[in-house]
Protein backbone atom coordinates (compact mmCIF):
# COMPACT_ATOMS: atom_id res chain seq x y z
CA UNK A 1 -0.10 0.26 -0.02
CA UNK A 2 1.69 3.23 -1.07
CA UNK A 3 1.57 5.62 2.15
CA UNK A 4 0.09 9.40 1.81
CA UNK A 5 3.30 11.54 1.54
CA UNK A 6 3.02 14.09 4.83
CA UNK A 7 4.82 16.98 2.58
CA UNK A 8 2.32 16.76 -0.17
CA UNK A 9 -0.68 16.65 2.71
CA UNK A 10 1.11 19.84 4.00
CA UNK A 11 0.16 21.68 0.58
CA UNK A 12 -3.04 22.80 0.39
CA UNK A 13 -5.41 21.29 -1.80
CA UNK A 14 -6.49 24.00 -3.74
CA UNK A 15 -2.55 24.74 -4.85
CA UNK A 16 -2.25 21.13 -5.78
CA UNK A 17 -4.31 21.49 -8.70
CA UNK A 18 -3.53 25.12 -9.25
CA UNK A 19 -3.24 26.14 -13.14
CA UNK A 20 -1.21 28.87 -14.26
CA UNK A 21 -3.70 30.53 -16.59
CA UNK A 22 -5.79 30.97 -13.54
CA UNK A 23 -3.02 33.53 -12.31
CA UNK A 24 -4.44 36.68 -14.13
CA UNK A 25 -7.76 36.64 -13.30
CA UNK A 26 -7.05 35.42 -9.66
CA UNK A 27 -5.06 38.64 -9.51
CA UNK A 28 -7.55 41.20 -10.89
CA UNK A 29 -10.05 39.44 -9.00
CA UNK A 30 -7.90 40.21 -5.72
CA UNK A 31 -7.40 43.74 -6.17
CA UNK A 32 -11.29 43.86 -6.79
CA UNK A 33 -11.42 42.35 -3.47
CA UNK A 34 -9.13 44.54 -1.81
CA UNK A 35 -11.28 47.49 -3.09
CA UNK A 36 -14.55 46.17 -1.26
CA UNK A 37 -12.81 44.68 1.79
CA UNK A 38 -10.41 47.63 2.93
CA UNK A 39 -13.37 50.34 3.91
CA UNK A 40 -15.35 47.21 5.07
CA UNK A 41 -13.22 46.22 7.41
CA UNK A 42 -12.05 49.09 8.26
CA UNK A 43 -16.12 50.19 9.13
CA UNK A 44 -16.00 46.87 11.19
CA UNK A 45 -14.00 48.81 13.56
CA UNK A 46 -16.56 50.81 14.53
CA UNK A 47 -18.52 47.81 15.41
CA UNK A 48 -15.85 46.12 17.38
CA UNK A 49 -14.53 49.50 18.74
CA UNK A 50 -11.33 49.30 18.18
CA UNK A 51 -9.28 51.64 16.08
CA UNK A 52 -9.75 51.53 12.46
CA UNK A 53 -6.06 50.09 11.32
CA UNK A 54 -7.04 47.07 13.26
CA UNK A 55 -9.66 46.35 10.59
CA UNK A 56 -6.94 46.58 7.78
CA UNK A 57 -5.15 43.92 10.02
CA UNK A 58 -7.55 41.07 9.94
CA UNK A 59 -7.29 41.07 6.18
CA UNK A 60 -3.29 40.51 6.25
CA UNK A 61 -2.19 37.78 8.33
CA UNK A 62 -5.12 35.81 9.23
CA UNK A 63 -5.91 35.58 5.40
CA UNK A 64 -2.48 34.56 4.57
CA UNK A 65 -2.82 31.65 7.29
CA UNK A 66 -6.06 30.57 6.21
CA UNK A 67 -5.07 30.22 2.43
CA UNK A 68 -1.82 28.42 3.55
CA UNK A 69 -4.08 26.07 5.55
CA UNK A 70 -7.37 25.60 4.71
CA UNK A 71 -8.88 23.84 2.01
CA UNK A 72 -11.53 26.37 0.49
CA UNK A 73 -10.86 27.83 -3.18
CA UNK A 74 -12.36 30.85 -2.54
CA UNK A 75 -13.82 31.23 1.41
CA UNK A 76 -12.33 34.78 2.04
CA UNK A 77 -11.56 35.22 5.82
CA UNK A 78 -11.43 38.37 7.92
CA UNK A 79 -13.14 40.95 9.58
CA UNK A 80 -17.02 40.31 10.40
CA UNK A 81 -20.07 42.44 11.51
CA UNK A 82 -21.59 39.58 13.64
CA UNK A 83 -18.78 38.13 15.25
CA UNK A 84 -17.61 41.61 15.86
CA UNK A 85 -20.98 42.33 17.28
CA UNK A 86 -20.93 39.84 19.49
CA UNK A 87 -17.38 40.41 20.55
CA UNK A 88 -18.15 44.23 21.46
CA UNK A 89 -21.23 43.24 23.35
CA UNK A 90 -19.40 40.76 25.32
CA UNK A 91 -16.70 42.83 26.43
CA UNK A 92 -19.25 45.63 27.12
CA UNK A 93 -21.46 43.60 29.28
CA UNK A 94 -18.63 42.05 31.16
CA UNK A 95 -17.98 45.68 32.29
CA UNK A 96 -13.87 44.91 33.19
CA UNK A 97 -12.60 47.12 35.38
CA UNK A 98 -10.27 49.94 33.79
CA UNK A 99 -10.95 48.41 30.10
CA UNK A 100 -12.99 50.94 28.37
CA UNK A 101 -14.04 50.73 24.71
CA UNK A 102 -11.09 51.47 22.57
CA UNK A 103 -9.05 51.40 24.68
CA UNK A 104 -5.61 49.57 24.39
CA UNK A 105 -6.83 47.57 26.63
CA UNK A 106 -9.97 46.89 24.91
CA UNK A 107 -7.82 45.94 22.07
CA UNK A 108 -5.81 43.63 24.18
CA UNK A 109 -8.81 41.75 25.32
CA UNK A 110 -10.45 41.42 21.91
CA UNK A 111 -7.03 39.69 20.84
CA UNK A 112 -7.19 37.17 23.77
CA UNK A 113 -10.70 36.76 22.70
CA UNK A 114 -9.34 35.52 19.04
CA UNK A 115 -6.65 33.38 20.85
CA UNK A 116 -9.27 31.46 22.19
CA UNK A 117 -11.17 31.28 19.57
CA UNK A 118 -8.10 29.76 17.74
CA UNK A 119 -7.89 26.89 20.71
CA UNK A 120 -11.29 25.99 20.53
CA UNK A 121 -11.46 25.50 16.85
CA UNK A 122 -8.19 23.73 17.52
CA UNK A 123 -9.95 21.78 19.97
CA UNK A 124 -12.88 21.25 17.84
CA UNK A 125 -11.16 19.31 15.03
CA UNK A 126 -9.40 17.02 17.67
CA UNK A 127 -12.61 16.35 19.28
CA UNK A 128 -14.56 16.18 15.93
CA UNK A 129 -16.75 18.68 17.21
CA UNK A 130 -17.47 20.41 14.34
CA UNK A 131 -20.97 19.31 14.20
CA UNK A 132 -21.67 22.05 17.00
CA UNK A 133 -22.18 24.42 13.97
CA UNK A 134 -25.11 22.62 12.80
CA UNK A 135 -27.13 23.04 15.95
CA UNK A 136 -27.68 26.54 14.06
CA UNK A 137 -30.48 25.93 11.41
CA UNK A 138 -30.49 28.19 8.40
CA UNK A 139 -33.87 29.66 9.68
CA UNK A 140 -32.40 30.81 13.21
CA UNK A 141 -29.30 31.66 11.23
CA UNK A 142 -31.65 34.17 9.03
CA UNK A 143 -33.03 35.22 12.14
CA UNK A 144 -29.87 35.59 13.91
CA UNK A 145 -28.18 37.77 11.25
CA UNK A 146 -31.08 39.67 10.91
CA UNK A 147 -30.83 41.24 14.40
CA UNK A 148 -27.21 41.35 14.04
CA UNK A 149 -27.79 43.79 11.09
CA UNK A 150 -30.72 45.58 12.66
CA UNK A 151 -28.24 46.07 15.58
CA UNK A 152 -25.53 47.43 12.94
CA UNK A 153 -27.36 49.75 11.01
CA UNK A 154 -28.89 51.17 13.83
CA UNK A 155 -25.58 51.58 15.92
CA UNK A 156 -24.32 53.58 13.04
CA UNK A 157 -27.22 56.20 12.96
CA UNK A 158 -25.47 58.58 15.39
CA UNK A 159 -22.16 59.00 13.22
CA UNK A 160 -24.65 59.55 9.98
CA UNK A 161 -26.13 62.28 11.60
CA UNK A 162 -23.54 63.93 13.76
CA UNK A 163 -25.51 63.37 17.12
CA UNK A 164 -24.02 61.84 20.06
CA UNK A 165 -24.57 58.42 20.91
CA UNK A 166 -27.11 57.35 23.80
CA UNK A 167 -26.48 55.00 26.59
CA UNK A 168 -28.04 51.52 27.98
CA UNK A 169 -30.08 49.13 26.32
CA UNK A 170 -30.79 49.02 22.44
CA UNK A 171 -34.16 50.61 23.16
CA UNK A 172 -32.96 53.38 25.12
CA UNK A 173 -30.17 54.44 22.57
CA UNK A 174 -32.82 54.67 19.90
CA UNK A 175 -34.83 56.94 22.05
CA UNK A 176 -32.49 58.94 22.56
CA UNK A 177 -31.59 58.87 19.01
CA UNK A 178 -35.32 60.19 18.06
CA UNK A 179 -35.36 62.96 21.16
CA UNK A 180 -31.98 64.35 19.95
CA UNK A 181 -32.72 64.42 15.94
CA UNK A 182 -32.98 67.99 16.14
CA UNK A 183 -29.00 68.44 17.11
CA UNK A 184 -28.05 66.57 13.39
CA UNK A 185 -24.74 68.00 12.13
CA UNK A 186 -25.84 68.58 8.27
CA UNK A 187 -22.49 68.73 7.04
CA UNK A 188 -22.07 65.15 8.58
CA UNK A 189 -25.32 63.90 7.43
CA UNK A 190 -24.46 65.06 4.32
CA UNK A 191 -21.09 62.98 3.93
CA UNK A 192 -22.76 59.89 5.34
CA UNK A 193 -25.80 59.85 3.12
CA UNK A 194 -23.84 60.72 0.08
CA UNK A 195 -22.11 57.17 1.13
CA UNK A 196 -24.99 55.14 1.58
CA UNK A 197 -26.79 57.00 -1.92
CA UNK A 198 -23.19 56.30 -3.45
CA UNK A 199 -22.95 52.53 -2.95
CA UNK A 200 -27.01 51.37 -3.26
CA UNK A 201 -26.11 53.33 -6.81
CA UNK A 202 -23.29 51.35 -7.91
CA UNK A 203 -24.89 48.04 -6.35
CA UNK A 204 -28.28 48.99 -8.93
CA UNK A 205 -26.40 50.30 -11.87
CA UNK A 206 -22.72 49.42 -11.88
CA UNK A 207 -22.87 46.50 -9.73
CA UNK A 208 -19.17 45.15 -10.92
CA UNK A 209 -17.82 48.76 -9.66
CA UNK A 210 -17.29 48.89 -5.83
CA UNK A 211 -19.16 51.67 -4.48
CA UNK A 212 -17.77 51.66 -1.22
CA UNK A 213 -14.10 52.83 -2.22
CA UNK A 214 -15.56 55.15 -4.97
CA UNK A 215 -17.12 56.67 -1.74
CA UNK A 216 -14.06 56.93 0.03
CA UNK A 217 -12.17 58.34 -2.53
CA UNK A 218 -14.41 61.25 -3.02
CA UNK A 219 -14.95 62.27 0.28
CA UNK A 220 -11.42 61.79 1.68
CA UNK A 221 -10.58 64.25 -1.48
CA UNK A 222 -13.63 66.31 -0.79
CA UNK A 223 -12.97 66.77 2.91
CA UNK A 224 -9.31 67.81 2.22
CA UNK A 225 -10.33 70.20 0.07
CA UNK A 226 -12.97 71.67 2.17
CA UNK A 227 -11.14 71.27 5.30
CA UNK A 228 -13.84 69.53 7.09
CA UNK A 229 -12.39 68.95 9.99
CA UNK A 230 -12.28 72.66 11.14
CA UNK A 231 -16.21 72.59 10.41
CA UNK A 232 -17.56 70.44 12.81
CA UNK A 233 -17.14 67.33 11.04
CA UNK A 234 -15.68 64.57 12.28
CA UNK A 235 -12.73 62.62 10.87
CA UNK A 236 -11.07 59.61 11.60
CA UNK A 237 -7.59 61.38 12.30
CA UNK A 238 -4.43 59.77 12.12
CA UNK A 239 -3.85 56.43 11.48
CA UNK A 240 -1.08 54.11 13.10
CA UNK A 241 1.30 52.74 10.28
CA UNK A 242 3.85 50.49 9.71
CA UNK A 243 4.06 46.73 10.17
CA UNK A 244 1.15 44.99 12.01
CA UNK A 245 2.44 44.44 16.01
CA UNK A 246 3.83 40.98 16.31
CA UNK A 247 3.46 39.53 19.83
CA UNK A 248 0.73 37.93 22.65
CA UNK A 249 -1.89 40.90 24.07
CA UNK A 250 -0.33 43.04 26.89
CA UNK A 251 -2.10 43.95 30.08
CA UNK A 252 -4.63 41.00 30.39
CA UNK A 253 -5.26 39.89 33.81
CA UNK A 254 -5.68 36.11 34.50
CA UNK A 255 -8.63 36.58 36.38
CA UNK A 256 -10.47 37.71 33.09
CA UNK A 257 -9.95 35.02 30.87
CA UNK A 258 -13.40 33.28 32.12
CA UNK A 259 -15.02 35.99 31.13
CA UNK A 260 -13.76 36.19 27.72
CA UNK A 261 -13.93 32.26 27.04
CA UNK A 262 -18.06 32.41 27.21
CA UNK A 263 -17.12 35.72 24.44
CA UNK A 264 -14.97 32.95 22.52
CA UNK A 265 -17.54 30.52 22.77
CA UNK A 266 -20.06 32.23 21.22
CA UNK A 267 -17.99 33.52 18.25
CA UNK A 268 -16.85 30.05 17.83
CA UNK A 269 -20.52 28.50 17.47
CA UNK A 270 -20.72 30.86 14.74
CA UNK A 271 -17.73 31.18 12.99
CA UNK A 272 -18.54 27.21 12.71
CA UNK A 273 -21.56 27.72 11.42
CA UNK A 274 -21.16 30.26 8.83
CA UNK A 275 -18.02 29.54 7.59
CA UNK A 276 -19.00 26.05 6.51
CA UNK A 277 -22.08 27.01 5.54
CA UNK A 278 -20.32 28.97 3.13
CA UNK A 279 -17.50 27.31 1.86
CA UNK A 280 -19.75 24.31 1.37
CA UNK A 281 -22.05 26.44 -0.87
CA UNK A 282 -19.95 27.91 -3.43
CA UNK A 283 -18.03 24.83 -3.33
CA UNK A 284 -21.19 22.81 -4.45
CA UNK A 285 -21.68 25.23 -6.99
CA UNK A 286 -18.56 24.63 -8.99
CA UNK A 287 -18.84 21.03 -8.50
CA UNK A 288 -15.90 21.04 -5.53
CA UNK A 289 -15.40 19.07 -2.01
CA UNK A 290 -14.33 20.96 0.42
CA UNK A 291 -12.61 19.91 3.78
CA UNK A 292 -14.37 21.24 6.73
CA UNK A 293 -12.23 19.48 9.26
CA UNK A 294 -9.21 21.32 7.37
CA UNK A 295 -11.18 24.13 7.10
CA UNK A 296 -11.64 24.70 10.98
CA UNK A 297 -7.58 24.31 11.18
CA UNK A 298 -7.25 26.83 8.75
CA UNK A 299 -9.64 29.34 10.83
CA UNK A 300 -7.77 28.60 13.73
CA UNK A 301 -4.65 29.32 12.11
CA UNK A 302 -6.28 32.67 11.15
CA UNK A 303 -7.57 33.62 14.58
CA UNK A 304 -4.25 32.62 16.07
CA UNK A 305 -2.73 35.28 13.96
CA UNK A 306 -5.38 37.95 14.70
CA UNK A 307 -4.71 37.81 18.32
CA UNK A 308 -0.83 37.59 17.61
CA UNK A 309 -0.82 40.44 15.08
CA UNK A 310 -3.15 43.39 17.40
CA UNK A 311 -6.24 42.47 15.81
CA UNK A 312 -9.84 41.12 16.56
CA UNK A 313 -11.92 37.64 15.87
CA UNK A 314 -12.17 36.61 12.26
CA UNK A 315 -14.63 34.56 10.30
CA UNK A 316 -15.68 33.00 6.89
CA UNK A 317 -17.26 36.04 5.05
CA UNK A 318 -20.25 35.15 2.87
CA UNK A 319 -20.37 38.78 1.41
CA UNK A 320 -16.90 39.11 0.44
CA UNK A 321 -16.59 35.41 -1.00
CA UNK A 322 -19.45 36.21 -2.92
CA UNK A 323 -17.72 39.22 -4.52
CA UNK A 324 -14.74 37.40 -4.98
CA UNK A 325 -16.66 34.46 -7.10
CA UNK A 326 -18.44 37.06 -8.62
CA UNK A 327 -15.16 38.42 -10.28
CA UNK A 328 -14.39 34.61 -11.39
CA UNK A 329 -11.28 34.35 -8.72
CA UNK A 330 -10.32 30.40 -8.54
CA UNK A 331 -8.21 30.32 -5.56
CA UNK A 332 -6.80 32.00 -2.61
CA UNK A 333 -4.48 33.62 -5.07
CA UNK A 334 -6.61 36.26 -4.91
CA UNK A 335 -6.80 36.41 -1.35
CA UNK A 336 -3.66 36.40 -0.70
CA UNK A 337 -3.07 39.32 -3.49
CA UNK A 338 -5.78 41.05 -1.29
CA UNK A 339 -3.37 40.43 1.55
CA UNK A 340 -0.33 42.04 -0.22
CA UNK A 341 -2.24 44.87 -1.26
CA UNK A 342 -3.73 45.90 2.17
CA UNK A 343 0.14 45.41 3.87
CA UNK A 344 1.05 48.02 0.98
CA UNK A 345 -1.77 50.29 2.47
CA UNK A 346 -0.79 49.69 5.94
CA UNK A 347 2.96 50.37 5.43
CA UNK A 348 2.78 53.42 2.96
CA UNK A 349 -0.61 54.79 2.87
CA UNK A 350 -2.35 55.31 6.15
CA UNK A 351 -1.64 59.02 5.87
CA UNK A 352 -4.44 59.21 3.28
CA UNK A 353 -6.68 58.05 5.40
CA UNK A 354 -6.36 61.07 7.58
CA UNK A 355 -9.18 63.03 6.91
CA UNK A 356 -11.58 60.29 5.89
CA UNK A 357 -15.17 61.88 7.58
CA UNK A 358 -16.63 59.33 10.18
CA UNK A 359 -19.97 59.09 8.56
CA UNK A 360 -18.39 58.02 5.55
CA UNK A 361 -17.17 54.59 7.51
CA UNK A 362 -20.90 54.76 9.41
CA UNK A 363 -22.19 54.71 5.54
CA UNK A 364 -20.27 51.69 4.61
CA UNK A 365 -21.38 49.92 7.86
CA UNK A 366 -24.65 50.96 7.61
CA UNK A 367 -24.99 49.67 4.29
CA UNK A 368 -23.90 46.55 5.64
CA UNK A 369 -26.09 46.13 8.41
CA UNK A 370 -29.32 46.67 6.11
CA UNK A 371 -27.71 43.79 4.01
CA UNK A 372 -27.64 41.63 6.61
CA UNK A 373 -31.83 42.05 7.03
CA UNK A 374 -33.38 39.28 4.95
CA UNK A 375 -36.58 40.01 4.83
CA UNK A 376 -36.91 37.90 1.83
CA UNK A 377 -35.41 35.03 4.11
CA UNK A 378 -37.84 35.56 6.64
CA UNK A 379 -40.58 35.15 3.99
CA UNK A 380 -39.41 32.07 2.76
CA UNK A 381 -39.01 30.46 6.23
CA UNK A 382 -42.85 31.53 7.06
CA UNK A 383 -44.10 29.83 3.97
CA UNK A 384 -42.60 26.81 4.59
CA UNK A 385 -42.81 26.39 8.17
CA UNK A 386 -44.54 28.74 10.87
CA UNK A 387 -42.68 27.44 13.90
CA UNK A 388 -39.15 28.13 12.27
CA UNK A 389 -40.21 31.98 11.34
CA UNK A 390 -41.78 32.48 14.63
CA UNK A 391 -38.10 31.35 16.32
CA UNK A 392 -35.84 33.31 13.62
CA UNK A 393 -38.03 36.56 14.48
CA UNK A 394 -38.16 35.79 18.45
CA UNK A 395 -34.12 35.44 17.63
CA UNK A 396 -33.69 38.50 15.75
CA UNK A 397 -35.80 40.40 18.37
CA UNK A 398 -33.56 39.08 21.29
CA UNK A 399 -30.36 40.07 19.64
CA UNK A 400 -31.65 43.55 19.29
CA UNK A 401 -33.95 44.45 22.69
CA UNK A 402 -31.25 41.82 25.14
CA UNK A 403 -28.13 41.40 23.42
CA UNK A 404 -25.98 39.50 20.50
CA UNK A 405 -24.56 37.27 22.97
CA UNK A 406 -27.88 36.21 24.50
CA UNK A 407 -29.09 35.81 20.82
CA UNK A 408 -26.38 33.38 19.76
CA UNK A 409 -27.45 31.07 22.84
CA UNK A 410 -31.17 31.25 22.28
CA UNK A 411 -30.17 30.46 18.36
CA UNK A 412 -28.58 27.33 19.75
CA UNK A 413 -31.35 26.68 22.14
CA UNK A 414 -34.05 27.20 20.26
CA UNK A 415 -32.82 25.46 17.20
CA UNK A 416 -32.18 22.14 19.70
CA UNK A 417 -35.83 22.77 20.89
CA UNK A 418 -37.53 22.79 17.69
CA UNK A 419 -35.68 19.70 16.59
CA UNK A 420 -36.63 17.98 19.79
CA UNK A 421 -40.28 19.23 19.27
CA UNK A 422 -40.67 17.60 15.79
CA UNK A 423 -39.06 14.19 16.84
CA UNK A 424 -41.38 14.80 20.01
CA UNK A 425 -44.71 14.77 17.67
CA UNK A 426 -43.73 13.57 14.29
CA UNK A 427 -46.26 12.90 11.47
CA UNK A 428 -48.45 9.35 11.98
CA UNK A 429 -49.87 7.91 9.30
CA UNK A 430 -51.95 4.73 8.77
CA UNK A 431 -50.82 2.84 5.64
CA UNK A 432 -53.51 1.31 3.28
CA UNK A 433 -53.67 -1.53 1.44
CA UNK A 434 -55.07 -2.92 -1.37
CA UNK A 435 -55.03 -5.94 -4.03
CA UNK A 436 -52.75 -3.68 -6.64
CA UNK A 437 -49.91 -3.18 -4.22
CA UNK A 438 -50.11 0.32 -3.62
CA UNK A 439 -49.56 1.68 -0.18
CA UNK A 440 -51.18 5.46 0.26
CA UNK A 441 -50.79 6.94 3.82
CA UNK A 442 -53.44 8.76 5.32
CA UNK A 443 -53.15 10.93 8.97
CA UNK A 444 -53.46 8.83 11.74
CA UNK A 445 -56.57 9.37 13.27
CA UNK A 446 -59.13 8.13 15.50
CA UNK A 447 -61.99 5.42 13.36
CA UNK A 448 -58.97 4.91 10.62
CA UNK A 449 -57.91 1.48 9.76
CA UNK A 450 -55.72 0.04 6.79
CA UNK A 451 -58.28 -2.84 6.43
CA UNK A 452 -61.02 -4.27 8.27
CA UNK A 453 -58.84 -6.29 11.41
CA UNK A 454 -55.58 -4.76 10.16
CA UNK A 455 -53.63 -1.21 11.04
CA UNK A 456 -50.59 -0.31 9.62
CA UNK A 457 -48.90 2.19 11.50
CA UNK A 458 -45.98 4.41 10.39
CA UNK A 459 -44.47 6.81 12.69
CA UNK A 460 -41.54 8.91 11.15
CA UNK A 461 -39.22 9.37 13.78
CA UNK A 462 -36.57 7.43 15.69
CA UNK A 463 -38.12 6.13 19.35
CA UNK A 464 -36.35 7.85 22.04
CA UNK A 465 -36.84 8.62 25.64
CA UNK A 466 -39.37 12.04 25.30
CA UNK A 467 -41.56 10.50 22.26
CA UNK A 468 -42.02 6.76 23.16
CA UNK A 469 -45.19 6.94 25.55
CA UNK A 470 -46.66 9.61 23.03
CA UNK A 471 -46.15 6.70 20.18
CA UNK A 472 -47.61 3.89 22.51
CA UNK A 473 -50.79 6.08 23.11
CA UNK A 474 -51.28 6.61 19.61
CA UNK A 475 -51.14 3.45 18.32
CA UNK A 476 -53.50 2.00 21.65
CA UNK A 477 -55.80 5.30 20.76
CA UNK A 478 -56.12 3.92 16.81
CA UNK A 479 -56.53 0.40 17.83
CA UNK A 480 -59.27 1.56 20.46
CA UNK A 481 -61.17 3.45 17.69
CA UNK A 482 -60.84 1.29 14.96
CA UNK A 483 -64.28 0.41 13.31
CA UNK A 484 -63.49 -3.17 13.23
CA UNK A 485 -61.86 -5.59 16.13
CA UNK A 486 -58.29 -5.07 15.34
CA UNK A 487 -56.44 -8.46 14.63
CA UNK A 488 -53.04 -7.45 13.57
CA UNK A 489 -50.86 -4.47 14.11
CA UNK A 490 -48.10 -3.92 11.60
CA UNK A 491 -45.60 -1.35 11.95
CA UNK A 492 -43.98 0.34 9.23
CA UNK A 493 -40.48 1.16 10.67
CA UNK A 494 -39.35 2.90 7.81
CA UNK A 495 -38.05 5.77 9.70
CA UNK A 496 -37.59 4.26 13.15
CA UNK A 497 -33.66 4.14 12.75
CA UNK A 498 -33.43 3.49 16.60
CA UNK A 499 -34.86 2.41 20.12
CA UNK A 500 -33.56 3.91 22.67
CA UNK A 501 -33.29 2.29 26.52
CA UNK A 502 -36.29 4.40 27.73
CA UNK A 503 -38.41 3.67 24.50
CA UNK A 504 -37.62 -0.30 24.77
CA UNK A 505 -39.44 -0.11 28.24
CA UNK A 506 -42.45 1.29 26.48
CA UNK A 507 -42.19 -0.76 23.93
CA UNK A 508 -42.38 -3.54 26.31
CA UNK A 509 -45.40 -2.36 27.62
CA UNK A 510 -47.10 -2.07 24.24
CA UNK A 511 -46.36 -5.87 23.33
CA UNK A 512 -48.18 -6.61 26.87
CA UNK A 513 -50.87 -4.60 25.94
CA UNK A 514 -51.52 -6.40 22.12
CA UNK A 515 -51.14 -9.82 23.82
CA UNK A 516 -54.10 -9.09 26.42
CA UNK A 517 -56.04 -8.47 23.24
CA UNK A 518 -54.75 -11.43 21.38
CA UNK A 519 -53.44 -9.28 18.46
CA UNK A 520 -50.81 -10.48 16.36
CA UNK A 521 -47.94 -7.47 16.10
CA UNK A 522 -45.27 -7.55 13.30
CA UNK A 523 -42.80 -4.80 11.83
CA UNK A 524 -41.78 -3.68 8.54
CA UNK A 525 -38.85 -2.12 6.85
CA UNK A 526 -36.62 -3.35 9.83
CA UNK A 527 -33.01 -2.56 8.60
CA UNK A 528 -29.86 -3.86 10.36
CA UNK A 529 -29.35 -0.68 12.51
CA UNK A 530 -32.56 -1.45 14.00
CA UNK A 531 -32.97 -4.99 14.09
CA UNK A 532 -29.77 -4.64 16.40
CA UNK A 533 -31.00 -1.83 18.60
CA UNK A 534 -33.98 -4.50 19.11
CA UNK A 535 -31.81 -7.22 19.74
CA UNK A 536 -29.85 -5.07 22.35
CA UNK A 537 -32.93 -3.93 24.39
CA UNK A 538 -34.40 -7.85 24.34
CA UNK A 539 -37.11 -6.52 22.06
CA UNK A 540 -36.29 -8.85 19.20
CA UNK A 541 -36.75 -12.29 20.62
CA UNK A 542 -40.17 -10.64 22.79
CA UNK A 543 -41.65 -9.83 18.98
CA UNK A 544 -40.08 -12.88 17.73
CA UNK A 545 -37.78 -12.90 14.65
CA UNK A 546 -40.03 -14.50 12.22
CA UNK A 547 -42.57 -11.01 12.88
CA UNK A 548 -39.73 -8.88 11.63
CA UNK A 549 -39.87 -7.92 7.93
CA UNK A 550 -37.67 -6.54 5.55
CA UNK A 551 -40.90 -5.23 3.10
CA UNK A 552 -44.18 -4.17 4.12
CA UNK A 553 -45.70 -5.93 1.42
CA UNK A 554 -44.57 -8.90 2.67
CA UNK A 555 -46.08 -8.27 6.37
CA UNK A 556 -49.23 -7.64 4.40
CA UNK A 557 -49.06 -10.78 2.68
CA UNK A 558 -48.55 -12.50 5.96
CA UNK A 559 -51.37 -10.57 7.15
CA UNK A 560 -53.36 -11.94 4.11
CA UNK A 561 -52.86 -15.73 4.15
CA UNK A 562 -53.24 -15.62 7.87
CA UNK A 563 -56.53 -17.40 8.95
CA UNK A 564 -56.20 -17.72 12.22
CA UNK A 565 -54.41 -14.36 13.99
CA UNK A 566 -51.72 -15.22 16.33
CA UNK A 567 -50.88 -13.09 19.56
CA UNK A 568 -46.94 -11.72 19.73
CA UNK A 569 -44.97 -14.66 21.05
């Protein structure tokens, strides 16, 4: 047997099959991506409440590390609005003494959270815990991101209008804004509104041109010519240039690590869910495979790189990945191109950002927040399943009214509860039988039977402790309300893949109930996994192996051939 070459495995999958003909397209896509990502990531710092330059840091070394360790050809890793919101909300709620938003100590703790996320992602890979992200259903994720979107765009309104930001809860902040609208700075509003209009205008009429970079260049120039800062318009001011700082965050109190673990875990769950969903969807779109486990390693390395280079948590970005795909990028070479260009900006061109109005960054982030509000997605959920729609809306409301971190916890809990609820009360059917062999299913209800003397019952869920008694009650109700005396009961077990210990006890009670009434019991569509579960619980011998059928048609034929029904042996 040929042994795998460890050196070959160390090479990223996308690089092993790289074609030279892709290079020009990748570089062009990377330049376009940089034009979008540079102003976007600068804007995300207003959510994370860190210095502007730290947004640029998220798409330098973290992006490079993911490109070298991950498997996805297209996934763009960098600052993300949702994880930035979780980070800021968590640190604000923690109220660590001496740590205020925007301070060096605050930045140190954001870097610590990134390092903790990197550790959790490594642990998830070693223990194969990547499934945790699956507990955020698509509907709950839409609700969560919608809530984040409302928080993000509403949080930019003070900077867009030139009004001081209120304090307290989200509702209190909005009330403060409404009661101080008379204090609007119209020059500031002009810059903010102009940025929003330019971005939306380019999206509508010239979607291939990044409107954000157009707005940035235009309004930096205008602000410099008009000397806007001298006329009451807030500007970014001096942006730290030079190589990103390398090293462990300083000034961290070990006693506060426990607080940061909770924040990091919330970010970790979202990173797993959002990044895996993004990389899978784009891989499937191009007929490719993605190694989620390797991507987890890449994301871990990216967050370690973020924590060690003076910035905050990074995540896979659906919006930037979509942009890269639209530009026909073929590999991580495009992302590496973006990283190199961003590094050049940090090293040589930060001075040109000094006169950028704060309202311009607020406008960029405002548009990002609006894009996160997925009204169309909520509408689709409502049409398909009302219960999931209610959970999605509830998640969005909690994110806004209570907090982002609480919203992510609710999102996970709500997804699990909804899953258990559906397994607790699955669809039940009575399968009708006919001479032509067809087996139409009708909803189980009082007075329904498959054939005089026969009930074929289909239960569409595994049997476990929560639904076992309900399963027994539903079947007994069918037997007691059948229009003809029941002679045979056949359980269509096509959806029953397991029977746990508690369900086995309830199942045994059902068999006793059937024996007392001289009702013959059989099971159909029994596969090897279910047979093994029945055997380990002792139910196989209690039912009788001769009464376990691989196909429903065989069980129905046995009923028809039986002249004298037998009770379960």
